[in-house]
Amino acid sequence: MSRETYIAIYSGISNFIENHLNKIHKCAEVYKGNELLEMYVQYWSRYSEASDALSAIFVKIDNWTRGEIDKGRKERYMVYMLSMVLWKRDIFDTLEHKIIPAMLELVRLERTGHTINKRFISAVVENLVELGMDDTVSAMEKEAKKLDIYKNSFEKKFIEATRDFYTNEVRVFHMENGSCTDYLIKVETRIQQEDNRVTLCLHSSTGTPLSGCCNDVMITKQLEFIQAHFGRLLMDKMDDHLARMYRMCLRVENGLPALRKALKEHVQKEGLDALERVAAEAFNDPKLYMSTLWEVHERYQGLVDRSFSKEPGFMKSLDSAAIEFVNKNAMTIFKYLEDKDVFLKFYTQMLSRRLITEHSASVEAESAFIQKLTDTCGYEFTTRLTKMFQDIQVSKDLTSEFKEKSVDDDGKKFVEFNAKVLTPRFWPCHSESTIRIPKNLSTKLDDFEAYYVAKHQRRRLTWLYSQCRGEVTTTAFKGKKYVFGVTTPQMCTLLLFNEQATFTAEHIMEAIGMDGKSTKAVVGSLVKNQVLKSDKALEGDEVPLNATITLNDGYTNKKVRVDLSKMTMKAEPVKETDNVQKDLDEDRKNMI
């Protein structure tokens, strides 16, 4: 067919659709409100089906139209698209001033408790999205533009109406002096209703601006009113309402800090008050102190677990409060302990670990507590603890002097290195282990040992590699820089992979000089951390000695600093507890 024939057919189709739409408009323009929506939806349903059929009939016209569009003639549309453009121009644009208010009125009626036909809203929404389609633009532009009509014609007005409705509802609620608990229930209900409205009636993209509007009006602007009642809910143990308040404040910026602070202050006061109430009775029953502390902590641990979803900020507030009221009463509790030697053994073991790993929250607090123990039990009771602190301070001075000497001798900055020289009789026993240290590190250890022996000629050093920790910096994984916190055996294992890409676990054992059990555990920890790969499955947490070990090239981690030593350290507390108990049994044997 000639181009003139195609144009004539195209014009005929357009005229046919326009005539049909004029008839629809004459029928629909007399209606308003709910009746208009019903009529609009019915006509649209039949019209969209007919448009599909028309498009299927005029395939050749669509092919010709596509060629016209490709040539830059933007006034041409595919048959289905033509029907959409004409519907928008002749029906929606002329009735929009009545359709959108009718939709908003239905929403208002439902919010005030009336039953409505949700299909009227959802069908018009689908219509507006369909009218936004445009096949004359690229796929990317089409996706960006398809919601323009929906958002400009309906969503903006819907959000404005929502803001006005809930602003007025909140104002009326306060005028009637409603309670905070009633407000929490009302807001929770309203938010759920709006979520349901998006799911059942609106386009999913409306969820975000609608949620933001509700959060702003009902939560952010009422945050002071909501948070002011948190303490009362805690006192009255209204856990369900506390959970509602938490979920509500979680939705807005800066909603939780005030609640976390209030929880800490409340738990701290509750703990101190509880101990004060039982003080007289506990004088003759020391266990009452411990059971009281346990009850307070259990109550609020359960609250944080159930009502606050174990949110880290609330967990920290609870821990801080517990530490506060326990520390204030620590010496009171200690006075009533029958087995003070048991306490001292465990405290010494734990203090040792904190000092060696530098994980003490406050050295000043540790020193103050030891001084309180000294005042209560005498100097001999805390001699070891005091000497441990002295060793740490002396070690800092030694390391500092050694670094300065290394700079003077070598003319360059010394590699980051800190040594802790511990006096054996004051510190808990630690197992000695043999291990082959890499040359670049062993040279520094030898230098320090020579420096120390020259300074203290009648002393010798024994390296406790089981207690050593270090950091390894690498770019071996896709070029990203990582800083791994590792134990000494882990460090030696990883450094082997600078020499070659593959080892068996047995070769690693021979290269480092570890025993078989230690090798299986150390390499297994690196495999579980996914830094290394094994061709054989782990046996528990251990890797078989005949396994082939390679670097895991696919290793990724969002963090730059990654602590790989945690997995090898997690079993240590159990082992240490057994050792402490064994030492206690030995100390308590009758000596003849």
Protein backbone atom coordinates (compact mmCIF):
# COMPACT_ATOMS: atom_id res chain seq x y z
CA MET A 1 0.00 0.00 0.00
CA SER A 2 1.07 3.55 -0.62
CA ARG A 3 1.88 5.94 2.23
CA GLU A 4 -1.30 7.91 1.40
CA THR A 5 -3.39 4.78 1.91
CA TYR A 6 -1.76 4.10 5.30
CA ILE A 7 -2.38 7.70 6.33
CA ALA A 8 -6.03 7.44 5.29
CA ILE A 9 -6.55 4.22 7.26
CA TYR A 10 -4.70 5.69 10.29
CA SER A 11 -6.93 8.80 10.16
CA GLY A 12 -10.03 6.62 9.85
CA ILE A 13 -9.07 4.64 12.97
CA SER A 14 -8.42 7.86 14.88
CA ASN A 15 -11.77 9.37 13.81
CA PHE A 16 -13.61 6.17 14.73
CA ILE A 17 -12.12 6.17 18.26
CA GLU A 18 -12.82 9.89 18.72
CA ASN A 19 -16.49 9.46 17.78
CA HIS A 20 -16.81 6.58 20.22
CA LEU A 21 -15.20 8.60 23.02
CA ASN A 22 -17.53 11.54 22.39
CA LYS A 23 -20.47 9.23 23.10
CA ILE A 24 -18.83 7.97 26.31
CA HIS A 25 -18.15 11.52 27.45
CA LYS A 26 -21.78 12.57 26.95
CA CYS A 27 -22.91 9.62 29.07
CA ALA A 28 -20.32 10.12 31.83
CA GLU A 29 -20.35 13.90 32.26
CA VAL A 30 -23.73 13.90 33.98
CA TYR A 31 -22.43 11.73 36.83
CA LYS A 32 -20.35 12.67 39.85
CA GLY A 33 -18.89 11.09 42.96
CA ASN A 34 -19.25 7.34 43.41
CA GLU A 35 -21.53 6.98 40.38
CA LEU A 36 -18.99 8.71 38.15
CA LEU A 37 -16.22 6.35 39.31
CA GLU A 38 -18.43 3.32 38.69
CA MET A 39 -19.30 4.55 35.19
CA TYR A 40 -15.66 5.47 34.45
CA VAL A 41 -14.39 2.04 35.51
CA GLN A 42 -17.03 0.19 33.47
CA TYR A 43 -16.37 2.17 30.30
CA TRP A 44 -12.60 1.90 30.76
CA SER A 45 -12.73 -1.88 31.18
CA ARG A 46 -14.64 -2.36 27.92
CA TYR A 47 -12.58 0.28 26.11
CA SER A 48 -9.18 -1.21 27.03
CA GLU A 49 -10.30 -4.67 25.85
CA ALA A 50 -11.55 -3.20 22.57
CA SER A 51 -8.26 -1.33 22.14
CA ASP A 52 -6.35 -4.61 22.45
CA ALA A 53 -8.57 -6.17 19.81
CA LEU A 54 -8.19 -3.18 17.50
CA SER A 55 -4.41 -3.38 17.79
CA ALA A 56 -4.47 -7.08 16.87
CA ILE A 57 -6.54 -6.32 13.76
CA PHE A 58 -4.36 -3.49 12.45
CA VAL A 59 -0.94 -5.13 12.73
CA LYS A 60 0.13 -3.76 9.34
CA ILE A 61 -0.82 -0.24 10.38
CA ASP A 62 1.30 -0.67 13.52
CA ASN A 63 4.27 -1.81 11.43
CA TRP A 64 3.91 1.24 9.19
CA THR A 65 3.50 3.51 12.24
CA ARG A 66 6.69 2.14 13.78
CA GLY A 67 8.53 3.16 10.63
CA GLU A 68 7.02 6.64 10.82
CA ILE A 69 8.07 6.97 14.48
CA ASP A 70 11.60 5.83 13.63
CA LYS A 71 11.73 8.61 11.02
CA GLY A 72 10.99 11.15 13.77
CA ARG A 73 7.25 11.70 13.23
CA LYS A 74 6.27 11.93 16.90
CA GLU A 75 2.61 12.69 16.12
CA ARG A 76 2.11 9.04 15.11
CA TYR A 77 1.16 6.34 17.63
CA MET A 78 0.71 2.60 17.52
CA VAL A 79 -3.02 1.72 17.47
CA TYR A 80 -3.22 0.75 21.15
CA MET A 81 -1.17 3.77 22.18
CA LEU A 82 -3.38 5.98 20.00
CA SER A 83 -6.44 4.77 21.88
CA MET A 84 -4.74 5.62 25.21
CA VAL A 85 -3.76 9.12 24.06
CA LEU A 86 -7.30 9.84 22.86
CA TRP A 87 -8.88 8.48 26.08
CA LYS A 88 -6.68 10.75 28.17
CA ARG A 89 -7.45 13.79 26.02
CA ASP A 90 -11.19 13.28 25.54
CA ILE A 91 -12.22 11.49 28.75
CA PHE A 92 -9.78 11.76 31.65
CA ASP A 93 -8.57 15.33 31.07
CA THR A 94 -12.15 16.59 30.79
CA LEU A 95 -13.38 14.68 33.86
CA GLU A 96 -10.24 14.82 36.05
CA HIS A 97 -11.67 17.66 38.14
CA LYS A 98 -14.45 15.29 39.25
CA ILE A 99 -12.66 11.90 39.19
CA ILE A 100 -9.75 12.70 41.55
CA PRO A 101 -11.93 14.39 44.24
CA ALA A 102 -14.29 11.40 44.07
CA MET A 103 -11.35 9.02 44.70
CA LEU A 104 -10.09 11.12 47.61
CA GLU A 105 -13.60 11.22 49.08
CA LEU A 106 -13.75 7.42 49.02
CA VAL A 107 -10.43 7.29 50.89
CA ARG A 108 -11.74 9.79 53.45
CA LEU A 109 -14.91 7.76 53.96
CA GLU A 110 -12.93 4.59 54.56
CA ARG A 111 -10.65 6.37 57.04
CA THR A 112 -13.71 7.49 58.99
CA GLY A 113 -15.09 3.97 59.26
CA HIS A 114 -17.33 3.61 56.19
CA THR A 115 -17.30 0.62 53.87
CA ILE A 116 -16.35 1.47 50.29
CA ASN A 117 -15.81 -0.30 46.98
CA LYS A 118 -12.00 -0.39 46.81
CA ARG A 119 -12.17 -1.60 43.23
CA PHE A 120 -13.20 1.88 42.07
CA ILE A 121 -9.91 3.31 43.40
CA SER A 122 -7.63 0.49 42.24
CA ALA A 123 -9.18 0.42 38.73
CA VAL A 124 -8.70 4.17 38.23
CA VAL A 125 -5.11 3.85 39.52
CA GLU A 126 -4.45 1.11 36.95
CA ASN A 127 -6.00 3.36 34.31
CA LEU A 128 -3.72 6.29 35.21
CA VAL A 129 -0.62 4.09 35.06
CA GLU A 130 -1.72 2.72 31.69
CA LEU A 131 -2.31 6.22 30.33
CA GLY A 132 1.28 7.09 31.24
CA MET A 133 2.71 4.57 28.78
CA ASP A 134 4.47 6.03 25.73
CA ASP A 135 5.88 3.84 22.95
CA THR A 136 7.40 6.79 21.06
CA VAL A 137 10.33 7.06 23.48
CA SER A 138 13.19 4.79 24.51
CA ALA A 139 12.68 1.99 27.03
CA MET A 140 14.52 3.97 29.72
CA GLU A 141 12.40 7.09 29.14
CA LYS A 142 9.25 4.96 29.02
CA GLU A 143 9.98 3.50 32.47
CA ALA A 144 10.69 6.95 33.91
CA LYS A 145 7.55 8.56 32.43
CA LYS A 146 4.93 5.85 32.92
CA LEU A 147 3.93 7.08 36.39
CA ASP A 148 3.87 10.80 35.54
CA ILE A 149 0.09 11.02 35.10
CA TYR A 150 -0.59 8.90 38.20
CA LYS A 151 1.74 10.92 40.40
CA ASN A 152 0.86 14.39 39.10
CA SER A 153 -2.89 13.87 38.85
CA PHE A 154 -3.54 11.68 41.89
CA GLU A 155 -0.61 10.92 44.22
CA LYS A 156 0.32 14.52 45.05
CA LYS A 157 -3.28 15.38 45.96
CA PHE A 158 -3.63 12.10 47.87
CA ILE A 159 -0.56 12.83 50.03
CA GLU A 160 -1.78 16.38 50.71
CA ALA A 161 -5.21 15.08 51.73
CA THR A 162 -3.56 12.45 53.94
CA ARG A 163 -1.45 15.08 55.71
CA ASP A 164 -4.51 17.28 56.32
CA PHE A 165 -6.61 14.36 57.56
CA TYR A 166 -4.11 13.05 60.11
CA THR A 167 -3.03 16.52 61.24
CA ASN A 168 -6.64 17.22 62.14
CA GLU A 169 -7.08 13.79 63.76
CA VAL A 170 -4.03 14.30 65.99
CA ARG A 171 -5.26 17.78 66.95
CA VAL A 172 -8.69 16.43 67.94
CA PHE A 173 -7.07 13.58 69.90
CA HIS A 174 -5.09 16.01 72.04
CA MET A 175 -8.13 18.28 72.51
CA GLU A 176 -9.95 15.27 73.98
CA ASN A 177 -6.96 14.54 76.29
CA GLY A 178 -6.41 11.04 74.95
CA SER A 179 -3.88 8.82 76.74
CA CYS A 180 -0.49 7.91 75.31
CA THR A 181 -1.37 4.21 75.18
CA ASP A 182 -4.51 4.99 73.18
CA TYR A 183 -2.42 7.13 70.86
CA LEU A 184 0.10 4.32 70.31
CA ILE A 185 -2.69 1.91 69.41
CA LYS A 186 -4.36 4.46 67.12
CA VAL A 187 -1.14 5.27 65.24
CA GLU A 188 -0.20 1.60 64.90
CA THR A 189 -3.68 0.88 63.51
CA ARG A 190 -3.56 3.84 61.11
CA ILE A 191 -0.14 2.87 59.77
CA GLN A 192 -1.34 -0.68 59.14
CA GLN A 193 -4.45 0.63 57.38
CA GLU A 194 -2.36 2.82 55.09
CA ASP A 195 -0.03 -0.09 54.29
CA ASN A 196 -3.08 -2.17 53.38
CA ARG A 197 -4.41 0.67 51.21
CA VAL A 198 -1.20 0.73 49.19
CA THR A 199 -1.32 -3.05 48.77
CA LEU A 200 -4.99 -3.21 47.74
CA CYS A 201 -5.66 0.07 45.94
CA LEU A 202 -2.61 2.13 45.01
CA HIS A 203 0.60 1.78 43.05
CA SER A 204 3.43 0.32 45.15
CA SER A 205 5.58 3.44 44.56
CA THR A 206 3.16 5.43 46.74
CA GLY A 207 4.23 3.42 49.79
CA THR A 208 7.36 5.50 50.46
CA PRO A 209 5.85 9.03 50.30
CA LEU A 210 2.74 7.86 52.16
CA SER A 211 4.83 6.28 54.92
CA GLY A 212 6.94 9.44 55.14
CA CYS A 213 3.82 11.60 55.46
CA CYS A 214 2.29 9.43 58.21
CA ASN A 215 5.59 9.22 60.08
CA ASP A 216 6.04 12.98 59.97
CA VAL A 217 2.52 13.90 61.10
CA MET A 218 1.82 11.16 63.65
CA ILE A 219 5.31 10.37 65.00
CA THR A 220 8.01 12.97 64.33
CA LYS A 221 5.82 15.94 65.25
CA GLN A 222 4.50 14.05 68.29
CA LEU A 223 7.84 12.57 69.37
CA GLU A 224 8.07 14.64 72.55
CA PHE A 225 4.57 13.53 73.61
CA ILE A 226 5.35 9.87 72.84
CA GLN A 227 8.76 9.72 74.51
CA ALA A 228 7.57 11.57 77.62
CA HIS A 229 5.50 8.51 78.57
CA PHE A 230 8.27 5.93 78.12
CA GLY A 231 9.29 6.02 81.78
CA ARG A 232 5.72 5.52 83.01
CA LEU A 233 5.27 2.52 80.72
CA LEU A 234 8.50 1.05 82.11
CA MET A 235 7.34 1.53 85.69
CA ASP A 236 3.93 -0.01 84.94
CA LYS A 237 5.55 -2.91 83.05
CA MET A 238 3.36 -2.32 80.00
CA ASP A 239 5.59 -4.33 77.67
CA ASP A 240 3.14 -4.50 74.75
CA HIS A 241 2.85 -0.71 74.66
CA LEU A 242 6.62 -0.37 75.01
CA ALA A 243 6.97 -2.61 71.95
CA ARG A 244 4.53 -0.35 70.06
CA MET A 245 6.49 2.73 71.07
CA TYR A 246 9.75 1.12 69.98
CA ARG A 247 8.38 0.13 66.56
CA MET A 248 6.94 3.60 66.14
CA CYS A 249 10.11 5.50 67.08
CA LEU A 250 12.19 3.14 64.95
CA ARG A 251 10.39 4.56 61.89
CA VAL A 252 11.75 8.10 62.32
CA GLU A 253 15.13 9.75 62.55
CA ASN A 254 16.42 10.24 66.11
CA GLY A 255 13.47 8.33 67.51
CA LEU A 256 15.45 5.88 69.65
CA PRO A 257 18.32 7.73 71.43
CA ALA A 258 16.04 9.30 74.05
CA LEU A 259 14.42 5.91 74.75
CA ARG A 260 17.80 4.21 75.13
CA LYS A 261 18.92 6.89 77.59
CA ALA A 262 15.67 6.62 79.56
CA LEU A 263 15.99 2.82 79.73
CA LYS A 264 19.53 3.04 81.09
CA GLU A 265 18.53 5.53 83.79
CA HIS A 266 15.44 3.51 84.73
CA VAL A 267 17.26 0.17 84.99
CA GLN A 268 20.09 1.75 86.96
CA LYS A 269 17.61 3.23 89.45
CA GLU A 270 15.64 -0.02 89.63
CA GLY A 271 18.79 -1.99 90.40
CA LEU A 272 19.95 0.37 93.13
CA ASP A 273 16.47 0.58 94.67
CA ALA A 274 16.08 -3.20 94.62
CA LEU A 275 19.41 -3.69 96.42
CA GLU A 276 18.53 -1.03 98.96
CA ARG A 277 15.20 -2.74 99.73
CA VAL A 278 16.89 -6.04 100.60
CA ALA A 279 20.00 -4.57 102.26
CA ALA A 280 18.96 -5.35 105.84
CA GLU A 281 17.79 -8.88 105.10
CA ALA A 282 20.76 -9.60 102.85
CA PHE A 283 23.14 -8.85 105.72
CA ASN A 284 22.36 -12.33 107.04
CA ASP A 285 21.62 -13.86 103.63
CA PRO A 286 24.30 -12.79 101.10
CA LYS A 287 22.73 -14.86 98.33
CA LEU A 288 19.77 -12.49 98.41
CA TYR A 289 21.99 -9.78 96.91
CA MET A 290 22.85 -11.97 93.95
CA SER A 291 19.30 -13.20 93.40
CA THR A 292 18.03 -9.60 93.52
CA LEU A 293 20.57 -8.48 90.93
CA TRP A 294 19.68 -11.48 88.79
CA GLU A 295 15.95 -10.72 88.96
CA VAL A 296 16.43 -7.10 87.89
CA HIS A 297 18.67 -8.06 85.00
CA GLU A 298 16.39 -10.90 83.89
CA ARG A 299 13.35 -8.61 83.90
CA TYR A 300 14.93 -6.03 81.62
CA GLN A 301 16.84 -8.50 79.48
CA GLY A 302 13.49 -10.09 78.70
CA LEU A 303 12.04 -6.67 77.92
CA VAL A 304 14.87 -5.83 75.51
CA ASP A 305 14.56 -9.26 73.86
CA ARG A 306 10.77 -9.20 73.44
CA SER A 307 9.75 -5.56 73.12
CA PHE A 308 12.87 -3.99 71.61
CA SER A 309 13.88 -6.87 69.30
CA LYS A 310 17.36 -7.08 70.88
CA GLU A 311 18.24 -3.76 69.24
CA PRO A 312 22.00 -3.17 69.88
CA GLY A 313 21.48 0.31 71.33
CA PHE A 314 19.03 -0.98 73.95
CA MET A 315 21.32 -3.94 74.70
CA LYS A 316 24.15 -1.48 75.35
CA SER A 317 21.93 0.67 77.58
CA LEU A 318 20.97 -2.38 79.64
CA ASP A 319 24.59 -3.49 79.97
CA SER A 320 25.72 0.01 80.99
CA ALA A 321 22.98 0.26 83.61
CA ALA A 322 23.76 -3.20 84.99
CA ILE A 323 27.47 -2.40 85.21
CA GLU A 324 26.63 0.83 87.02
CA PHE A 325 24.45 -0.64 89.76
CA VAL A 326 26.64 -3.74 90.15
CA ASN A 327 29.83 -1.67 90.43
CA LYS A 328 28.28 0.56 93.07
CA ASN A 329 27.52 -2.51 95.14
CA ALA A 330 30.41 -4.74 94.11
CA MET A 331 32.28 -4.49 97.39
CA THR A 332 29.10 -4.98 99.40
CA ILE A 333 28.45 -8.21 97.51
CA PHE A 334 32.09 -9.22 97.79
CA LYS A 335 32.06 -8.92 101.58
CA TYR A 336 29.43 -11.63 101.77
CA LEU A 337 31.25 -14.10 99.50
CA GLU A 338 32.32 -17.20 101.40
CA ASP A 339 34.80 -18.42 98.76
CA LYS A 340 36.85 -15.30 98.22
CA ASP A 341 39.72 -17.41 96.91
CA VAL A 342 37.45 -18.65 94.10
CA PHE A 343 36.63 -15.06 93.16
CA LEU A 344 40.30 -14.07 93.24
CA LYS A 345 41.35 -16.97 90.99
CA PHE A 346 38.75 -16.18 88.35
CA TYR A 347 39.25 -12.43 88.58
CA THR A 348 43.03 -12.87 88.20
CA GLN A 349 42.52 -15.07 85.13
CA MET A 350 40.13 -12.60 83.49
CA LEU A 351 42.23 -9.56 84.41
CA SER A 352 45.24 -11.30 82.89
CA ARG A 353 43.41 -11.76 79.59
CA ARG A 354 42.20 -8.15 79.56
CA LEU A 355 45.66 -6.75 80.25
CA ILE A 356 47.42 -8.95 77.69
CA THR A 357 44.89 -8.29 74.91
CA GLU A 358 44.46 -4.62 75.94
CA HIS A 359 40.68 -5.05 76.11
CA SER A 360 40.14 -3.47 79.51
CA ALA A 361 37.36 -0.87 79.31
CA SER A 362 39.15 1.33 81.86
CA VAL A 363 42.55 0.81 83.48
CA GLU A 364 41.60 3.44 86.07
CA ALA A 365 38.46 1.48 87.00
CA GLU A 366 40.50 -1.74 87.29
CA SER A 367 43.01 -0.02 89.59
CA ALA A 368 40.24 1.51 91.70
CA PHE A 369 38.58 -1.88 92.15
CA ILE A 370 41.87 -3.53 93.15
CA GLN A 371 42.39 -0.77 95.71
CA LYS A 372 38.94 -1.52 97.17
CA LEU A 373 39.88 -5.21 97.39
CA THR A 374 43.09 -4.23 99.16
CA ASP A 375 41.22 -2.06 101.66
CA THR A 376 38.80 -4.91 102.37
CA CYS A 377 41.11 -7.95 102.42
CA GLY A 378 44.59 -6.58 102.95
CA TYR A 379 47.69 -6.12 100.82
CA GLU A 380 48.60 -9.81 100.56
CA PHE A 381 45.24 -10.61 98.94
CA THR A 382 45.93 -8.32 95.97
CA THR A 383 49.73 -8.54 95.70
CA ARG A 384 49.59 -10.52 92.44
CA LEU A 385 47.08 -8.12 90.90
CA THR A 386 49.22 -5.10 91.77
CA LYS A 387 52.35 -6.77 90.37
CA MET A 388 50.50 -7.58 87.13
CA PHE A 389 49.76 -3.89 86.63
CA GLN A 390 53.38 -3.03 87.40
CA ASP A 391 54.58 -5.54 84.78
CA ILE A 392 52.36 -3.93 82.14
CA GLN A 393 53.70 -0.45 82.90
CA VAL A 394 57.32 -1.65 82.93
CA SER A 395 56.72 -3.43 79.61
CA LYS A 396 55.45 -0.20 78.03
CA ASP A 397 58.60 1.60 79.14
CA LEU A 398 60.81 -1.24 77.87
CA THR A 399 59.15 -1.31 74.47
CA SER A 400 59.38 2.46 74.16
CA GLU A 401 63.11 2.44 74.99
CA PHE A 402 63.72 -0.43 72.58
CA LYS A 403 61.96 1.40 69.74
CA GLU A 404 64.00 4.54 70.35
CA LYS A 405 67.22 2.51 70.34
CA SER A 406 66.19 0.77 67.12
CA VAL A 407 65.63 4.12 65.40
CA ASP A 408 69.01 5.38 66.55
CA ASP A 409 70.87 2.23 65.45
CA ASP A 410 69.12 1.62 62.13
CA GLY A 411 68.33 5.18 61.15
CA LYS A 412 64.74 4.23 60.30
CA LYS A 413 61.46 3.74 62.10
CA PHE A 414 61.02 0.43 63.87
CA VAL A 415 58.22 -1.89 62.77
CA GLU A 416 55.19 -1.62 65.07
CA PHE A 417 55.97 -3.95 67.96
CA ASN A 418 54.91 -4.17 71.61
CA ALA A 419 56.26 -6.66 74.11
CA LYS A 420 54.79 -7.54 77.50
CA VAL A 421 57.35 -8.99 79.90
CA LEU A 422 55.44 -10.92 82.57
CA THR A 423 56.86 -12.13 85.88
CA PRO A 424 55.86 -15.85 85.98
CA ARG A 425 54.96 -16.11 89.67
CA PHE A 426 52.44 -13.26 89.47
CA TRP A 427 50.58 -14.27 86.30
CA PRO A 428 48.33 -17.27 85.63
CA CYS A 429 50.14 -20.14 83.94
CA HIS A 430 50.07 -20.15 80.15
CA SER A 431 51.06 -23.10 78.02
CA GLU A 432 54.34 -22.79 76.15
CA SER A 433 54.29 -23.77 72.50
CA THR A 434 57.02 -24.14 69.91
CA ILE A 435 56.49 -22.47 66.59
CA ARG A 436 58.73 -21.42 63.72
CA ILE A 437 58.45 -17.64 63.38
CA PRO A 438 59.05 -16.00 59.95
CA LYS A 439 62.54 -14.55 59.65
CA ASN A 440 61.51 -10.89 59.30
CA LEU A 441 59.60 -11.17 62.58
CA SER A 442 61.96 -13.51 64.45
CA THR A 443 64.83 -11.08 63.82
CA LYS A 444 62.96 -8.39 65.72
CA LEU A 445 62.17 -10.79 68.55
CA ASP A 446 65.84 -11.77 68.77
CA ASP A 447 66.83 -8.09 68.82
CA PHE A 448 64.43 -7.38 71.67
CA GLU A 449 65.61 -10.43 73.61
CA ALA A 450 69.25 -9.37 73.21
CA TYR A 451 68.35 -5.86 74.35
CA TYR A 452 66.49 -7.20 77.39
CA VAL A 453 69.22 -9.66 78.44
CA ALA A 454 71.84 -6.94 78.13
CA LYS A 455 69.73 -4.76 80.40
CA HIS A 456 68.94 -7.58 82.88
CA GLN A 457 71.85 -10.03 82.68
CA ARG A 458 70.52 -12.63 85.12
CA ARG A 459 67.15 -12.98 83.47
CA ARG A 460 65.97 -14.88 80.41
CA LEU A 461 62.84 -14.59 78.27
CA THR A 462 60.44 -17.34 77.24
CA TRP A 463 58.09 -16.34 74.43
CA LEU A 464 54.45 -17.33 74.99
CA TYR A 465 53.30 -17.53 71.39
CA SER A 466 49.86 -18.77 72.47
CA GLN A 467 49.20 -15.32 73.96
CA CYS A 468 50.62 -13.27 71.09
CA ARG A 469 48.42 -11.30 68.73
CA GLY A 470 49.24 -9.28 65.65
CA GLU A 471 47.93 -7.70 62.47
CA VAL A 472 48.54 -8.75 58.88
CA THR A 473 47.90 -6.27 56.07
CA THR A 474 47.07 -7.75 52.66
CA THR A 475 45.81 -6.84 49.19
CA ALA A 476 45.68 -10.46 48.02
CA PHE A 477 41.89 -10.49 47.61
CA LYS A 478 40.89 -8.66 44.42
CA GLY A 479 43.27 -5.84 45.32
CA LYS A 480 41.20 -4.64 48.30
CA LYS A 481 43.19 -3.80 51.41
CA TYR A 482 42.36 -5.78 54.55
CA VAL A 483 43.92 -5.68 58.01
CA PHE A 484 43.49 -9.07 59.70
CA GLY A 485 43.72 -9.39 63.48
CA VAL A 486 45.33 -12.79 64.03
CA THR A 487 47.00 -15.08 66.54
CA THR A 488 50.67 -15.85 65.99
CA PRO A 489 49.98 -19.33 64.49
CA GLN A 490 47.41 -17.77 62.14
CA MET A 491 49.92 -15.10 61.15
CA CYS A 492 52.62 -17.66 60.38
CA THR A 493 50.13 -19.71 58.34
CA LEU A 494 48.99 -16.75 56.23
CA LEU A 495 52.55 -15.53 55.61
CA LEU A 496 53.40 -18.91 54.07
CA PHE A 497 51.16 -17.98 51.12
CA ASN A 498 53.62 -15.25 50.16
CA GLU A 499 55.89 -18.09 49.04
CA GLN A 500 53.47 -20.32 47.11
CA ALA A 501 49.75 -20.63 46.39
CA THR A 502 49.02 -24.16 47.62
CA PHE A 503 49.92 -26.26 50.66
CA THR A 504 48.63 -29.36 52.32
CA ALA A 505 47.74 -28.93 55.98
CA GLU A 506 50.56 -31.36 56.79
CA HIS A 507 53.08 -29.18 54.94
CA ILE A 508 51.85 -26.16 56.91
CA MET A 509 52.40 -28.14 60.12
CA GLU A 510 55.98 -28.95 59.11
CA ALA A 511 56.73 -25.42 57.89
CA ILE A 512 55.54 -23.77 61.10
CA GLY A 513 56.60 -26.49 63.51
CA MET A 514 53.23 -26.93 65.21
CA ASP A 515 51.80 -30.21 66.45
CA GLY A 516 49.05 -31.88 64.42
CA LYS A 517 46.11 -30.93 66.66
CA SER A 518 47.09 -27.25 66.77
CA THR A 519 47.61 -27.18 63.00
CA LYS A 520 44.18 -28.64 62.31
CA ALA A 521 42.55 -26.07 64.61
CA VAL A 522 44.49 -23.04 63.32
CA VAL A 523 44.05 -23.81 59.61
CA GLY A 524 40.43 -24.79 60.30
CA SER A 525 39.77 -21.36 61.83
CA LEU A 526 41.07 -19.63 58.69
CA VAL A 527 38.95 -21.88 56.48
CA LYS A 528 35.84 -21.15 58.59
CA ASN A 529 36.62 -17.44 58.26
CA GLN A 530 36.70 -18.08 54.47
CA VAL A 531 40.17 -16.59 54.03
CA LEU A 532 41.51 -20.01 53.02
CA LYS A 533 39.84 -22.82 51.09
CA SER A 534 40.11 -26.55 51.74
CA ASP A 535 39.39 -29.30 49.22
CA LYS A 536 38.10 -31.45 52.08
CA ALA A 537 35.23 -30.80 54.47
CA LEU A 538 36.05 -29.68 58.00
CA GLU A 539 35.78 -32.24 60.76
CA GLY A 540 34.01 -30.11 63.32
CA ASP A 541 36.19 -26.98 63.43
CA GLU A 542 39.33 -28.77 62.27
CA VAL A 543 40.78 -29.38 58.82
CA PRO A 544 42.18 -32.84 57.93
CA LEU A 545 45.97 -32.92 57.64
CA ASN A 546 45.74 -34.37 54.11
CA ALA A 547 43.57 -31.47 52.88
CA THR A 548 44.91 -29.15 50.17
CA ILE A 549 44.76 -25.52 51.29
CA THR A 550 44.66 -22.46 49.01
CA LEU A 551 43.84 -18.77 49.36
CA ASN A 552 40.16 -18.03 48.78
CA ASP A 553 40.36 -15.57 45.86
CA GLY A 554 36.64 -14.83 46.24
CA TYR A 555 36.94 -13.62 49.85
CA THR A 556 35.07 -10.36 50.50
CA ASN A 557 34.17 -8.42 53.61
CA LYS A 558 32.54 -5.02 54.06
CA LYS A 559 34.99 -4.25 56.85
CA VAL A 560 38.62 -3.34 56.26
CA ARG A 561 39.73 -4.48 59.71
CA VAL A 562 38.66 -8.08 60.35
CA ASP A 563 39.38 -10.03 63.55
CA LEU A 564 40.17 -13.61 62.54
CA SER A 565 41.38 -14.56 66.02
CA LYS A 566 37.89 -14.68 67.58
CA MET A 567 37.19 -18.18 66.32
CA THR A 568 40.34 -19.61 67.87
CA MET A 569 39.80 -17.69 71.11
CA LYS A 570 36.18 -18.68 71.72
CA ALA A 571 37.09 -22.05 73.26
CA GLU A 572 39.68 -20.54 75.60
CA PRO A 573 37.29 -19.41 78.39
CA VAL A 574 36.04 -22.98 78.91
CA LYS A 575 39.59 -24.31 79.01
CA GLU A 576 40.66 -21.53 81.36
CA THR A 577 37.73 -22.27 83.69
CA ASP A 578 38.83 -25.90 83.93
CA ASN A 579 42.42 -24.81 84.67
CA VAL A 580 41.31 -22.35 87.34
CA GLN A 581 39.17 -24.99 89.03
CA LYS A 582 42.06 -27.44 88.94
CA ASP A 583 44.39 -24.86 90.53
CA LEU A 584 41.80 -24.17 93.23
CA ASP A 585 41.53 -27.85 94.07
CA GLU A 586 45.31 -28.05 94.39
CA ASP A 587 45.48 -24.94 96.58
CA ARG A 588 42.81 -26.31 98.90
CA LYS A 589 44.47 -29.66 99.54
CA ASN A 590 45.51 -30.11 103.13
CA MET A 591 49.25 -29.73 103.43
CA ILE A 592 51.01 -31.99 105.99
